[in-house]
Amino acid sequence: MLSQLQVERVCLLNKGSDQCKYLDVVNDQCFCKKKSPDAKVIDVEVADFIKNAKKNNINPYTQKVPLGDGNGCKGYLYLPNKLQGFDV
């Protein structure tokens, strides 16, 4: 589980396309999937979204879809019972 400061300052929750694409919100708790097996699937889905948007002359960065990579964050393991973040 990610700390509130991590989510606000690094993952950029609710910041449109700047929000980290690996951020997962479940029951008001935030988790990182950057180091999970899901990361590769997320990368493919985001790449496909960007490709299709550009193909249709749509700027993908104005669509409020999370496209960020966590501002250079190396990511965290998906640990539901352990608080994680740069401030922990």
N, C-alpha and C. Protein backbone atom coordinates (compact mmCIF):
# COMPACT_ATOMS: atom_id res chain seq x y z
N MET A 1 0.85 -1.16 0.00
CA MET A 1 0.00 0.00 0.00
C MET A 1 0.90 1.23 0.00
N LEU A 2 0.58 2.19 -0.85
CA LEU A 2 1.39 3.39 -0.99
C LEU A 2 0.96 4.48 -0.01
N SER A 3 1.93 5.24 0.47
CA SER A 3 1.65 6.34 1.38
C SER A 3 0.92 7.46 0.64
N GLN A 4 0.23 8.28 1.40
CA GLN A 4 -0.52 9.40 0.82
C GLN A 4 0.41 10.37 0.09
N LEU A 5 1.57 10.67 0.68
CA LEU A 5 2.51 11.58 0.01
C LEU A 5 3.04 10.99 -1.28
N GLN A 6 3.32 9.69 -1.30
CA GLN A 6 3.79 9.02 -2.52
C GLN A 6 2.75 9.17 -3.62
N VAL A 7 1.51 8.92 -3.26
CA VAL A 7 0.41 8.97 -4.24
C VAL A 7 0.21 10.38 -4.77
N GLU A 8 0.28 11.37 -3.89
CA GLU A 8 0.03 12.75 -4.30
C GLU A 8 1.20 13.36 -5.07
N ARG A 9 2.43 13.14 -4.61
CA ARG A 9 3.58 13.84 -5.17
C ARG A 9 4.31 13.09 -6.28
N VAL A 10 4.24 11.78 -6.28
CA VAL A 10 4.97 11.00 -7.28
C VAL A 10 4.02 10.34 -8.28
N CYS A 11 3.02 9.64 -7.76
CA CYS A 11 2.09 8.94 -8.65
C CYS A 11 1.09 9.89 -9.30
N LEU A 12 0.90 11.05 -8.69
CA LEU A 12 0.04 12.12 -9.22
C LEU A 12 -1.40 11.66 -9.45
N LEU A 13 -1.99 11.06 -8.42
CA LEU A 13 -3.38 10.60 -8.49
C LEU A 13 -4.30 11.73 -8.93
N ASN A 14 -5.20 11.43 -9.84
CA ASN A 14 -6.19 12.37 -10.38
C ASN A 14 -5.57 13.53 -11.15
N LYS A 15 -4.41 13.31 -11.76
CA LYS A 15 -3.75 14.37 -12.54
C LYS A 15 -3.75 14.02 -14.03
N GLY A 16 -4.81 13.36 -14.48
CA GLY A 16 -4.96 13.07 -15.90
C GLY A 16 -3.85 12.22 -16.46
N SER A 17 -3.32 12.63 -17.60
CA SER A 17 -2.29 11.82 -18.27
C SER A 17 -0.97 11.82 -17.52
N ASP A 18 -0.79 12.73 -16.58
CA ASP A 18 0.44 12.75 -15.77
C ASP A 18 0.44 11.66 -14.69
N GLN A 19 -0.74 11.16 -14.36
CA GLN A 19 -0.83 10.11 -13.34
C GLN A 19 -0.07 8.87 -13.80
N CYS A 20 0.59 8.21 -12.87
CA CYS A 20 1.35 7.01 -13.19
C CYS A 20 0.42 5.91 -13.70
N LYS A 21 0.80 5.31 -14.80
CA LYS A 21 0.00 4.25 -15.39
C LYS A 21 0.02 2.97 -14.56
N TYR A 22 0.95 2.85 -13.63
CA TYR A 22 1.06 1.67 -12.79
C TYR A 22 0.31 1.79 -11.47
N LEU A 23 -0.31 2.92 -11.22
CA LEU A 23 -1.05 3.13 -9.98
C LEU A 23 -2.36 2.36 -10.04
N ASP A 24 -2.62 1.58 -8.99
CA ASP A 24 -3.85 0.79 -8.90
C ASP A 24 -4.56 1.20 -7.63
N VAL A 25 -5.82 1.58 -7.74
CA VAL A 25 -6.60 2.00 -6.58
C VAL A 25 -7.69 0.97 -6.33
N VAL A 26 -7.66 0.38 -5.12
CA VAL A 26 -8.63 -0.64 -4.73
C VAL A 26 -9.18 -0.25 -3.36
N ASN A 27 -10.49 -0.03 -3.29
CA ASN A 27 -11.13 0.33 -2.02
C ASN A 27 -10.41 1.49 -1.32
N ASP A 28 -10.13 2.53 -2.06
CA ASP A 28 -9.47 3.74 -1.54
C ASP A 28 -8.03 3.52 -1.06
N GLN A 29 -7.44 2.38 -1.39
CA GLN A 29 -6.04 2.14 -1.09
C GLN A 29 -5.29 2.08 -2.42
N CYS A 30 -4.09 2.64 -2.42
CA CYS A 30 -3.31 2.72 -3.66
C CYS A 30 -2.13 1.76 -3.62
N PHE A 31 -1.90 1.12 -4.75
CA PHE A 31 -0.83 0.14 -4.89
C PHE A 31 -0.05 0.42 -6.17
N CYS A 32 1.19 -0.01 -6.18
CA CYS A 32 2.04 0.13 -7.36
C CYS A 32 2.13 -1.22 -8.08
N LYS A 33 1.97 -1.19 -9.39
CA LYS A 33 2.09 -2.41 -10.18
C LYS A 33 3.32 -2.40 -11.09
N LYS A 34 4.21 -1.45 -10.87
CA LYS A 34 5.37 -1.31 -11.75
C LYS A 34 6.29 -2.52 -11.68
N LYS A 35 6.34 -3.20 -10.54
CA LYS A 35 7.20 -4.37 -10.39
C LYS A 35 6.38 -5.66 -10.37
N SER A 36 5.16 -5.61 -10.83
CA SER A 36 4.30 -6.80 -10.87
C SER A 36 4.28 -7.36 -12.28
N PRO A 37 3.80 -8.59 -12.43
CA PRO A 37 3.66 -9.16 -13.78
C PRO A 37 2.71 -8.35 -14.66
N ASP A 38 1.82 -7.59 -14.03
CA ASP A 38 0.86 -6.77 -14.79
C ASP A 38 1.52 -5.61 -15.52
N ALA A 39 2.73 -5.26 -15.14
CA ALA A 39 3.40 -4.09 -15.73
C ALA A 39 3.54 -4.22 -17.24
N LYS A 40 3.89 -5.40 -17.71
CA LYS A 40 4.05 -5.59 -19.17
C LYS A 40 2.73 -5.42 -19.89
N VAL A 41 1.65 -5.91 -19.29
CA VAL A 41 0.32 -5.77 -19.90
C VAL A 41 -0.07 -4.29 -19.93
N ILE A 42 0.20 -3.59 -18.84
CA ILE A 42 -0.10 -2.16 -18.77
C ILE A 42 0.69 -1.40 -19.84
N ASP A 43 1.96 -1.73 -20.00
CA ASP A 43 2.79 -1.07 -21.02
C ASP A 43 2.22 -1.27 -22.42
N VAL A 44 1.79 -2.48 -22.72
CA VAL A 44 1.22 -2.77 -24.05
C VAL A 44 -0.09 -2.02 -24.25
N GLU A 45 -0.94 -2.03 -23.22
CA GLU A 45 -2.23 -1.34 -23.33
C GLU A 45 -2.04 0.17 -23.54
N VAL A 46 -1.11 0.76 -22.82
CA VAL A 46 -0.87 2.19 -22.95
C VAL A 46 -0.27 2.51 -24.31
N ALA A 47 0.66 1.70 -24.76
CA ALA A 47 1.26 1.91 -26.09
C ALA A 47 0.20 1.80 -27.18
N ASP A 48 -0.70 0.83 -27.05
CA ASP A 48 -1.79 0.68 -28.02
C ASP A 48 -2.73 1.88 -27.99
N PHE A 49 -3.02 2.37 -26.78
CA PHE A 49 -3.89 3.53 -26.65
C PHE A 49 -3.29 4.75 -27.35
N ILE A 50 -2.00 4.99 -27.09
CA ILE A 50 -1.32 6.13 -27.70
C ILE A 50 -1.29 5.99 -29.22
N LYS A 51 -0.98 4.80 -29.70
CA LYS A 51 -0.92 4.55 -31.15
C LYS A 51 -2.29 4.80 -31.80
N ASN A 52 -3.35 4.26 -31.19
CA ASN A 52 -4.69 4.43 -31.76
C ASN A 52 -5.16 5.88 -31.70
N ALA A 53 -4.83 6.56 -30.62
CA ALA A 53 -5.22 7.97 -30.51
C ALA A 53 -4.55 8.79 -31.60
N LYS A 54 -3.26 8.59 -31.77
CA LYS A 54 -2.53 9.34 -32.80
C LYS A 54 -3.04 9.00 -34.20
N LYS A 55 -3.38 7.73 -34.40
CA LYS A 55 -3.90 7.30 -35.70
C LYS A 55 -5.21 8.01 -36.02
N ASN A 56 -5.97 8.35 -34.96
CA ASN A 56 -7.25 9.04 -35.14
C ASN A 56 -7.13 10.55 -34.92
N ASN A 57 -5.89 11.05 -35.00
CA ASN A 57 -5.62 12.49 -34.84
C ASN A 57 -6.13 13.05 -33.51
N ILE A 58 -5.98 12.24 -32.45
CA ILE A 58 -6.37 12.66 -31.11
C ILE A 58 -5.10 12.73 -30.27
N ASN A 59 -4.95 13.80 -29.53
CA ASN A 59 -3.81 13.92 -28.63
C ASN A 59 -4.08 13.04 -27.41
N PRO A 60 -3.31 11.95 -27.22
CA PRO A 60 -3.58 11.03 -26.11
C PRO A 60 -3.40 11.68 -24.74
N TYR A 61 -2.62 12.74 -24.69
CA TYR A 61 -2.33 13.40 -23.41
C TYR A 61 -3.44 14.34 -22.96
N THR A 62 -4.48 14.50 -23.77
CA THR A 62 -5.63 15.31 -23.36
C THR A 62 -6.83 14.44 -23.01
N GLN A 63 -6.67 13.14 -22.97
CA GLN A 63 -7.78 12.22 -22.77
C GLN A 63 -7.99 11.78 -21.31
N LYS A 64 -7.21 12.32 -20.38
CA LYS A 64 -7.31 12.01 -18.96
C LYS A 64 -7.11 10.53 -18.65
N VAL A 65 -6.31 9.87 -19.47
CA VAL A 65 -5.93 8.48 -19.25
C VAL A 65 -4.53 8.49 -18.66
N PRO A 66 -4.30 7.76 -17.55
CA PRO A 66 -2.96 7.74 -16.95
C PRO A 66 -1.90 7.20 -17.92
N LEU A 67 -0.92 8.03 -18.22
CA LEU A 67 0.14 7.65 -19.16
C LEU A 67 1.53 7.81 -18.56
N GLY A 68 1.61 8.36 -17.35
CA GLY A 68 2.90 8.64 -16.72
C GLY A 68 3.62 7.37 -16.26
N ASP A 69 4.88 7.57 -15.91
CA ASP A 69 5.69 6.43 -15.45
C ASP A 69 6.13 6.61 -14.01
N GLY A 70 5.47 7.48 -13.28
CA GLY A 70 5.81 7.70 -11.88
C GLY A 70 6.98 8.63 -11.68
N ASN A 71 7.20 9.54 -12.61
CA ASN A 71 8.26 10.55 -12.47
C ASN A 71 9.62 9.94 -12.18
N GLY A 72 9.93 8.87 -12.85
CA GLY A 72 11.23 8.23 -12.66
C GLY A 72 11.28 7.30 -11.46
N CYS A 73 10.17 7.10 -10.79
CA CYS A 73 10.11 6.20 -9.64
C CYS A 73 10.46 4.78 -10.09
N LYS A 74 11.22 4.08 -9.29
CA LYS A 74 11.61 2.71 -9.62
C LYS A 74 10.50 1.70 -9.35
N GLY A 75 9.47 2.13 -8.67
CA GLY A 75 8.34 1.26 -8.39
C GLY A 75 8.45 0.55 -7.06
N TYR A 76 7.35 -0.09 -6.67
CA TYR A 76 7.27 -0.81 -5.41
C TYR A 76 6.61 -2.16 -5.66
N LEU A 77 6.91 -3.10 -4.80
CA LEU A 77 6.25 -4.40 -4.87
C LEU A 77 4.79 -4.25 -4.47
N TYR A 78 3.96 -5.11 -4.98
CA TYR A 78 2.53 -5.07 -4.67
C TYR A 78 2.32 -5.73 -3.30
N LEU A 79 2.41 -4.92 -2.24
CA LEU A 79 2.30 -5.42 -0.87
C LEU A 79 1.10 -4.74 -0.19
N PRO A 80 -0.01 -5.45 -0.05
CA PRO A 80 -1.22 -4.83 0.48
C PRO A 80 -1.17 -4.49 1.97
N ASN A 81 -0.29 -5.10 2.73
CA ASN A 81 -0.27 -4.87 4.17
C ASN A 81 0.93 -4.09 4.66
N LYS A 82 1.71 -3.51 3.75
CA LYS A 82 2.91 -2.77 4.13
C LYS A 82 2.87 -1.40 3.49
N LEU A 83 3.01 -0.36 4.32
CA LEU A 83 3.02 1.01 3.81
C LEU A 83 4.35 1.26 3.11
N GLN A 84 4.28 1.82 1.89
CA GLN A 84 5.48 2.06 1.09
C GLN A 84 5.43 3.46 0.50
N GLY A 85 6.60 4.00 0.18
CA GLY A 85 6.68 5.31 -0.46
C GLY A 85 7.99 5.97 -0.09
N PHE A 86 8.31 7.07 -0.78
CA PHE A 86 9.57 7.76 -0.55
C PHE A 86 9.66 8.31 0.87
N ASP A 87 8.51 8.54 1.51
CA ASP A 87 8.48 9.14 2.83
C ASP A 87 8.37 8.14 3.97
N VAL A 88 8.40 6.87 3.68
CA VAL A 88 8.25 5.83 4.70
C VAL A 88 9.61 5.27 5.06
